[in-house]
Amino acid sequence: MSAGEQRINEIADCEFVGKNLAGQIARYAALTQQLAHDLARELADSEEAAVAAMRRLRGHPLLAGVDVKWRARRVARVLNEARELCHGVSAECVAFNVQFRAEFADALKAASRKTKPKKYRDEEVDI
């Protein structure tokens, strides 16, 4: 199993249930961010390799009349756009975690308080 498949399986195993919901969402965001970084790195390497391979084809007899340099730039542009999208996914994962904590922090604190009733002289008191 490759590292990418392992990361995807770890992301798939994230469940949003239980008491530590904020921690699980933070873990999900971190795993997704790592996957996006890995994909961006792979796309950057692929971009360089594809351009180098296509430029070596310049002057090949079977490619007479084909502008290899133009096609190499076109392939590089597509791979660069995909890499930028991966960086965007990474940034959005961080923003997702921050936004979740900002929107639901009060609700999570209140929920954690209600699950821990304390007894004071045989009477339940919510803190």
N, C-alpha and C. Protein backbone atom coordinates (compact mmCIF):
# COMPACT_ATOMS: atom_id res chain seq x y z
N MET A 1 0.85 -1.17 0.00
CA MET A 1 0.00 0.00 0.00
C MET A 1 0.91 1.24 0.00
N SER A 2 0.61 2.17 -0.88
CA SER A 2 1.43 3.37 -0.99
C SER A 2 1.09 4.35 0.13
N ALA A 3 1.95 5.36 0.25
CA ALA A 3 1.73 6.37 1.30
C ALA A 3 0.45 7.15 1.05
N GLY A 4 0.16 7.43 -0.22
CA GLY A 4 -1.08 8.14 -0.55
C GLY A 4 -2.32 7.35 -0.17
N GLU A 5 -2.29 6.05 -0.45
CA GLU A 5 -3.42 5.20 -0.08
C GLU A 5 -3.57 5.13 1.44
N GLN A 6 -2.45 5.10 2.16
CA GLN A 6 -2.51 5.08 3.62
C GLN A 6 -3.14 6.36 4.14
N ARG A 7 -2.74 7.49 3.58
CA ARG A 7 -3.31 8.77 4.02
C ARG A 7 -4.81 8.82 3.75
N ILE A 8 -5.21 8.35 2.59
CA ILE A 8 -6.64 8.36 2.25
C ILE A 8 -7.40 7.44 3.19
N ASN A 9 -6.84 6.28 3.51
CA ASN A 9 -7.50 5.38 4.46
C ASN A 9 -7.59 5.99 5.86
N GLU A 10 -6.55 6.72 6.28
CA GLU A 10 -6.60 7.39 7.58
C GLU A 10 -7.69 8.46 7.59
N ILE A 11 -7.82 9.20 6.49
CA ILE A 11 -8.86 10.21 6.39
C ILE A 11 -10.24 9.55 6.43
N ALA A 12 -10.36 8.43 5.73
CA ALA A 12 -11.65 7.72 5.71
C ALA A 12 -12.02 7.17 7.08
N ASP A 13 -11.03 6.87 7.90
CA ASP A 13 -11.30 6.32 9.24
C ASP A 13 -11.71 7.38 10.26
N CYS A 14 -11.59 8.64 9.90
CA CYS A 14 -11.98 9.71 10.83
C CYS A 14 -13.50 9.69 11.00
N GLU A 15 -13.93 9.57 12.25
CA GLU A 15 -15.35 9.59 12.56
C GLU A 15 -15.63 10.79 13.46
N PHE A 16 -16.71 11.46 13.19
CA PHE A 16 -17.07 12.67 13.93
C PHE A 16 -18.16 12.35 14.95
N VAL A 17 -17.83 11.52 15.90
CA VAL A 17 -18.75 11.16 16.98
C VAL A 17 -17.98 11.14 18.29
N GLY A 18 -18.69 11.21 19.37
CA GLY A 18 -18.07 11.10 20.68
C GLY A 18 -17.85 12.44 21.34
N LYS A 19 -17.10 12.39 22.42
CA LYS A 19 -16.89 13.58 23.23
C LYS A 19 -15.85 14.53 22.65
N ASN A 20 -14.86 14.01 21.98
CA ASN A 20 -13.76 14.83 21.48
C ASN A 20 -13.97 15.19 20.01
N LEU A 21 -15.08 15.80 19.71
CA LEU A 21 -15.40 16.14 18.33
C LEU A 21 -14.43 17.16 17.75
N ALA A 22 -14.05 18.15 18.54
CA ALA A 22 -13.12 19.17 18.05
C ALA A 22 -11.76 18.55 17.72
N GLY A 23 -11.31 17.63 18.53
CA GLY A 23 -10.05 16.95 18.27
C GLY A 23 -10.10 16.09 17.02
N GLN A 24 -11.25 15.45 16.79
CA GLN A 24 -11.40 14.62 15.59
C GLN A 24 -11.43 15.48 14.33
N ILE A 25 -12.07 16.63 14.41
CA ILE A 25 -12.10 17.53 13.26
C ILE A 25 -10.71 18.10 13.00
N ALA A 26 -9.97 18.40 14.06
CA ALA A 26 -8.60 18.88 13.88
C ALA A 26 -7.73 17.81 13.24
N ARG A 27 -7.91 16.56 13.65
CA ARG A 27 -7.16 15.45 13.05
C ARG A 27 -7.51 15.29 11.58
N TYR A 28 -8.80 15.37 11.26
CA TYR A 28 -9.24 15.28 9.87
C TYR A 28 -8.63 16.39 9.02
N ALA A 29 -8.64 17.60 9.55
CA ALA A 29 -8.08 18.74 8.82
C ALA A 29 -6.58 18.56 8.61
N ALA A 30 -5.88 18.09 9.64
CA ALA A 30 -4.43 17.89 9.52
C ALA A 30 -4.10 16.80 8.51
N LEU A 31 -4.83 15.69 8.54
CA LEU A 31 -4.59 14.61 7.59
C LEU A 31 -4.87 15.05 6.15
N THR A 32 -5.94 15.79 5.96
CA THR A 32 -6.27 16.28 4.63
C THR A 32 -5.23 17.28 4.15
N GLN A 33 -4.74 18.10 5.06
CA GLN A 33 -3.70 19.06 4.71
C GLN A 33 -2.42 18.33 4.30
N GLN A 34 -2.04 17.29 5.02
CA GLN A 34 -0.85 16.52 4.65
C GLN A 34 -1.01 15.85 3.29
N LEU A 35 -2.19 15.33 3.01
CA LEU A 35 -2.44 14.72 1.70
C LEU A 35 -2.31 15.76 0.60
N ALA A 36 -2.85 16.95 0.82
CA ALA A 36 -2.76 18.01 -0.18
C ALA A 36 -1.31 18.43 -0.41
N HIS A 37 -0.52 18.50 0.65
CA HIS A 37 0.90 18.83 0.51
C HIS A 37 1.63 17.75 -0.30
N ASP A 38 1.32 16.49 0.00
CA ASP A 38 1.94 15.39 -0.75
C ASP A 38 1.58 15.46 -2.23
N LEU A 39 0.32 15.71 -2.51
CA LEU A 39 -0.11 15.81 -3.91
C LEU A 39 0.57 16.99 -4.61
N ALA A 40 0.68 18.12 -3.94
CA ALA A 40 1.32 19.29 -4.53
C ALA A 40 2.79 19.00 -4.83
N ARG A 41 3.47 18.33 -3.91
CA ARG A 41 4.87 17.98 -4.13
C ARG A 41 5.01 17.03 -5.32
N GLU A 42 4.14 16.06 -5.41
CA GLU A 42 4.18 15.10 -6.51
C GLU A 42 3.90 15.79 -7.85
N LEU A 43 2.95 16.70 -7.86
CA LEU A 43 2.64 17.43 -9.10
C LEU A 43 3.79 18.33 -9.52
N ALA A 44 4.50 18.94 -8.57
CA ALA A 44 5.65 19.77 -8.91
C ALA A 44 6.76 18.92 -9.54
N ASP A 45 6.99 17.74 -8.96
CA ASP A 45 8.00 16.84 -9.53
C ASP A 45 7.58 16.37 -10.92
N SER A 46 6.31 16.05 -11.08
CA SER A 46 5.81 15.59 -12.38
C SER A 46 5.90 16.68 -13.43
N GLU A 47 5.65 17.91 -13.01
CA GLU A 47 5.74 19.04 -13.94
C GLU A 47 7.16 19.17 -14.50
N GLU A 48 8.14 19.12 -13.63
CA GLU A 48 9.53 19.23 -14.06
C GLU A 48 9.93 18.07 -14.95
N ALA A 49 9.54 16.87 -14.57
CA ALA A 49 9.90 15.68 -15.35
C ALA A 49 9.23 15.68 -16.72
N ALA A 50 7.97 16.09 -16.77
CA ALA A 50 7.25 16.10 -18.05
C ALA A 50 7.85 17.12 -19.01
N VAL A 51 8.16 18.29 -18.51
CA VAL A 51 8.75 19.33 -19.36
C VAL A 51 10.12 18.87 -19.87
N ALA A 52 10.94 18.30 -18.98
CA ALA A 52 12.26 17.83 -19.40
C ALA A 52 12.15 16.73 -20.45
N ALA A 53 11.23 15.81 -20.26
CA ALA A 53 11.07 14.71 -21.22
C ALA A 53 10.57 15.22 -22.57
N MET A 54 9.64 16.15 -22.54
CA MET A 54 9.09 16.66 -23.80
C MET A 54 10.12 17.53 -24.55
N ARG A 55 10.95 18.24 -23.82
CA ARG A 55 11.96 19.07 -24.48
C ARG A 55 13.05 18.21 -25.11
N ARG A 56 13.28 17.03 -24.55
CA ARG A 56 14.24 16.11 -25.17
C ARG A 56 13.74 15.59 -26.51
N LEU A 57 12.44 15.66 -26.73
CA LEU A 57 11.87 15.19 -28.00
C LEU A 57 12.03 16.20 -29.13
N ARG A 58 12.53 17.37 -28.82
CA ARG A 58 12.69 18.41 -29.83
C ARG A 58 13.65 17.91 -30.92
N GLY A 59 13.20 18.03 -32.13
CA GLY A 59 14.01 17.59 -33.26
C GLY A 59 13.79 16.13 -33.64
N HIS A 60 12.88 15.46 -32.98
CA HIS A 60 12.59 14.05 -33.30
C HIS A 60 11.94 14.00 -34.68
N PRO A 61 12.36 13.04 -35.53
CA PRO A 61 11.84 13.01 -36.90
C PRO A 61 10.33 12.74 -37.00
N LEU A 62 9.78 12.03 -36.06
CA LEU A 62 8.34 11.75 -36.11
C LEU A 62 7.50 12.95 -35.65
N LEU A 63 8.13 13.93 -35.04
CA LEU A 63 7.41 15.10 -34.54
C LEU A 63 7.68 16.33 -35.41
N ALA A 64 7.92 16.11 -36.68
CA ALA A 64 8.19 17.23 -37.58
C ALA A 64 6.96 18.12 -37.68
N GLY A 65 7.14 19.41 -37.52
CA GLY A 65 6.04 20.35 -37.61
C GLY A 65 5.29 20.55 -36.31
N VAL A 66 5.65 19.83 -35.27
CA VAL A 66 4.98 19.98 -33.98
C VAL A 66 5.86 20.86 -33.09
N ASP A 67 5.26 21.87 -32.52
CA ASP A 67 6.00 22.76 -31.62
C ASP A 67 6.06 22.12 -30.24
N VAL A 68 7.15 21.40 -29.98
CA VAL A 68 7.31 20.65 -28.74
C VAL A 68 7.41 21.60 -27.54
N LYS A 69 8.09 22.72 -27.75
CA LYS A 69 8.25 23.68 -26.66
C LYS A 69 6.89 24.23 -26.21
N TRP A 70 6.01 24.52 -27.14
CA TRP A 70 4.67 25.04 -26.82
C TRP A 70 3.86 23.98 -26.07
N ARG A 71 3.94 22.73 -26.55
CA ARG A 71 3.18 21.66 -25.87
C ARG A 71 3.72 21.38 -24.48
N ALA A 72 5.02 21.48 -24.31
CA ALA A 72 5.61 21.27 -22.98
C ALA A 72 5.13 22.35 -22.02
N ARG A 73 5.07 23.60 -22.49
CA ARG A 73 4.56 24.68 -21.63
C ARG A 73 3.10 24.45 -21.28
N ARG A 74 2.33 23.93 -22.23
CA ARG A 74 0.91 23.67 -22.00
C ARG A 74 0.71 22.60 -20.92
N VAL A 75 1.48 21.53 -21.01
CA VAL A 75 1.41 20.47 -20.00
C VAL A 75 1.86 21.02 -18.65
N ALA A 76 2.92 21.80 -18.64
CA ALA A 76 3.43 22.37 -17.40
C ALA A 76 2.39 23.29 -16.77
N ARG A 77 1.67 24.06 -17.59
CA ARG A 77 0.65 24.96 -17.05
C ARG A 77 -0.47 24.18 -16.36
N VAL A 78 -0.90 23.09 -16.97
CA VAL A 78 -1.97 22.28 -16.39
C VAL A 78 -1.51 21.66 -15.06
N LEU A 79 -0.29 21.13 -15.03
CA LEU A 79 0.22 20.55 -13.80
C LEU A 79 0.42 21.63 -12.72
N ASN A 80 0.84 22.82 -13.13
CA ASN A 80 1.00 23.92 -12.18
C ASN A 80 -0.35 24.34 -11.59
N GLU A 81 -1.38 24.39 -12.41
CA GLU A 81 -2.72 24.72 -11.91
C GLU A 81 -3.21 23.67 -10.91
N ALA A 82 -2.96 22.41 -11.21
CA ALA A 82 -3.35 21.34 -10.28
C ALA A 82 -2.59 21.47 -8.96
N ARG A 83 -1.31 21.83 -9.03
CA ARG A 83 -0.51 22.02 -7.82
C ARG A 83 -1.05 23.19 -7.00
N GLU A 84 -1.42 24.27 -7.66
CA GLU A 84 -2.00 25.42 -6.95
C GLU A 84 -3.33 25.06 -6.30
N LEU A 85 -4.11 24.22 -6.95
CA LEU A 85 -5.36 23.76 -6.34
C LEU A 85 -5.09 22.94 -5.07
N CYS A 86 -4.06 22.14 -5.10
CA CYS A 86 -3.70 21.36 -3.91
C CYS A 86 -3.28 22.28 -2.76
N HIS A 87 -2.54 23.33 -3.09
CA HIS A 87 -2.18 24.30 -2.05
C HIS A 87 -3.44 24.99 -1.51
N GLY A 88 -4.41 25.23 -2.37
CA GLY A 88 -5.67 25.81 -1.93
C GLY A 88 -6.44 24.88 -1.01
N VAL A 89 -6.43 23.60 -1.32
CA VAL A 89 -7.09 22.61 -0.46
C VAL A 89 -6.43 22.61 0.92
N SER A 90 -5.11 22.66 0.93
CA SER A 90 -4.38 22.70 2.20
C SER A 90 -4.77 23.91 3.02
N ALA A 91 -4.82 25.07 2.40
CA ALA A 91 -5.19 26.29 3.11
C ALA A 91 -6.63 26.23 3.61
N GLU A 92 -7.52 25.68 2.82
CA GLU A 92 -8.92 25.57 3.22
C GLU A 92 -9.11 24.60 4.38
N CYS A 93 -8.27 23.59 4.49
CA CYS A 93 -8.35 22.67 5.63
C CYS A 93 -8.06 23.40 6.93
N VAL A 94 -7.05 24.26 6.89
CA VAL A 94 -6.73 25.05 8.07
C VAL A 94 -7.88 26.01 8.39
N ALA A 95 -8.41 26.67 7.36
CA ALA A 95 -9.52 27.60 7.57
C ALA A 95 -10.76 26.88 8.09
N PHE A 96 -10.98 25.65 7.62
CA PHE A 96 -12.12 24.86 8.08
C PHE A 96 -12.02 24.59 9.57
N ASN A 97 -10.85 24.18 10.04
CA ASN A 97 -10.67 23.90 11.45
C ASN A 97 -10.84 25.16 12.30
N VAL A 98 -10.27 26.26 11.85
CA VAL A 98 -10.39 27.53 12.58
C VAL A 98 -11.86 27.98 12.62
N GLN A 99 -12.54 27.88 11.50
CA GLN A 99 -13.95 28.30 11.44
C GLN A 99 -14.83 27.42 12.31
N PHE A 100 -14.57 26.12 12.31
CA PHE A 100 -15.34 25.22 13.18
C PHE A 100 -15.17 25.61 14.64
N ARG A 101 -13.94 25.84 15.04
CA ARG A 101 -13.69 26.20 16.44
C ARG A 101 -14.32 27.55 16.78
N ALA A 102 -14.30 28.49 15.84
CA ALA A 102 -14.88 29.81 16.11
C ALA A 102 -16.40 29.73 16.22
N GLU A 103 -17.04 28.94 15.37
CA GLU A 103 -18.50 28.86 15.35
C GLU A 103 -19.06 28.00 16.48
N PHE A 104 -18.37 26.92 16.82
CA PHE A 104 -18.94 25.95 17.74
C PHE A 104 -18.20 25.83 19.06
N ALA A 105 -17.28 26.72 19.34
CA ALA A 105 -16.52 26.63 20.59
C ALA A 105 -17.44 26.74 21.81
N ASP A 106 -18.37 27.69 21.79
CA ASP A 106 -19.28 27.85 22.92
C ASP A 106 -20.16 26.63 23.11
N ALA A 107 -20.65 26.08 22.02
CA ALA A 107 -21.51 24.90 22.10
C ALA A 107 -20.74 23.69 22.62
N LEU A 108 -19.49 23.55 22.22
CA LEU A 108 -18.70 22.42 22.70
C LEU A 108 -18.39 22.56 24.19
N LYS A 109 -18.11 23.76 24.64
CA LYS A 109 -17.85 23.96 26.05
C LYS A 109 -19.10 23.68 26.88
N ALA A 110 -20.24 24.15 26.40
CA ALA A 110 -21.50 23.92 27.12
C ALA A 110 -21.85 22.44 27.15
N ALA A 111 -21.61 21.75 26.06
CA ALA A 111 -21.91 20.32 26.00
C ALA A 111 -21.01 19.54 26.94
N SER A 112 -19.75 19.94 27.03
CA SER A 112 -18.84 19.22 27.92
C SER A 112 -19.21 19.47 29.38
N ARG A 113 -19.72 20.63 29.69
CA ARG A 113 -20.13 20.92 31.06
C ARG A 113 -21.36 20.12 31.46
N LYS A 114 -22.29 19.97 30.55
CA LYS A 114 -23.54 19.28 30.88
C LYS A 114 -23.34 17.78 31.06
N THR A 115 -22.29 17.25 30.50
CA THR A 115 -22.08 15.81 30.63
C THR A 115 -21.40 15.44 31.95
N LYS A 116 -20.97 16.44 32.72
CA LYS A 116 -20.28 16.16 33.97
C LYS A 116 -21.04 16.77 35.16
N PRO A 117 -22.19 16.23 35.51
CA PRO A 117 -22.89 16.78 36.67
C PRO A 117 -22.17 16.38 37.96
N LYS A 118 -22.16 17.31 38.89
CA LYS A 118 -21.56 17.03 40.19
C LYS A 118 -22.66 16.97 41.23
N LYS A 119 -22.42 16.17 42.24
CA LYS A 119 -23.40 16.04 43.31
C LYS A 119 -22.96 16.87 44.50
N TYR A 120 -23.91 17.60 45.00
CA TYR A 120 -23.68 18.40 46.19
C TYR A 120 -24.81 18.09 47.16
N ARG A 121 -24.50 17.43 48.21
CA ARG A 121 -25.48 17.00 49.20
C ARG A 121 -26.63 16.26 48.58
N ASP A 122 -26.28 15.25 47.81
CA ASP A 122 -27.25 14.37 47.15
C ASP A 122 -28.12 15.07 46.13
N GLU A 123 -27.73 16.25 45.65
CA GLU A 123 -28.46 16.95 44.61
C GLU A 123 -27.52 17.16 43.43
N GLU A 124 -28.03 16.96 42.24
CA GLU A 124 -27.21 17.18 41.05
C GLU A 124 -27.16 18.67 40.75
N VAL A 125 -25.97 19.16 40.50
CA VAL A 125 -25.78 20.57 40.20
C VAL A 125 -24.99 20.65 38.90
N ASP A 126 -25.54 21.37 37.92
CA ASP A 126 -24.81 21.58 36.67
C ASP A 126 -23.85 22.73 36.83
N ILE A 127 -22.64 22.48 36.40
CA ILE A 127 -21.63 23.54 36.48
C ILE A 127 -21.38 24.08 35.10
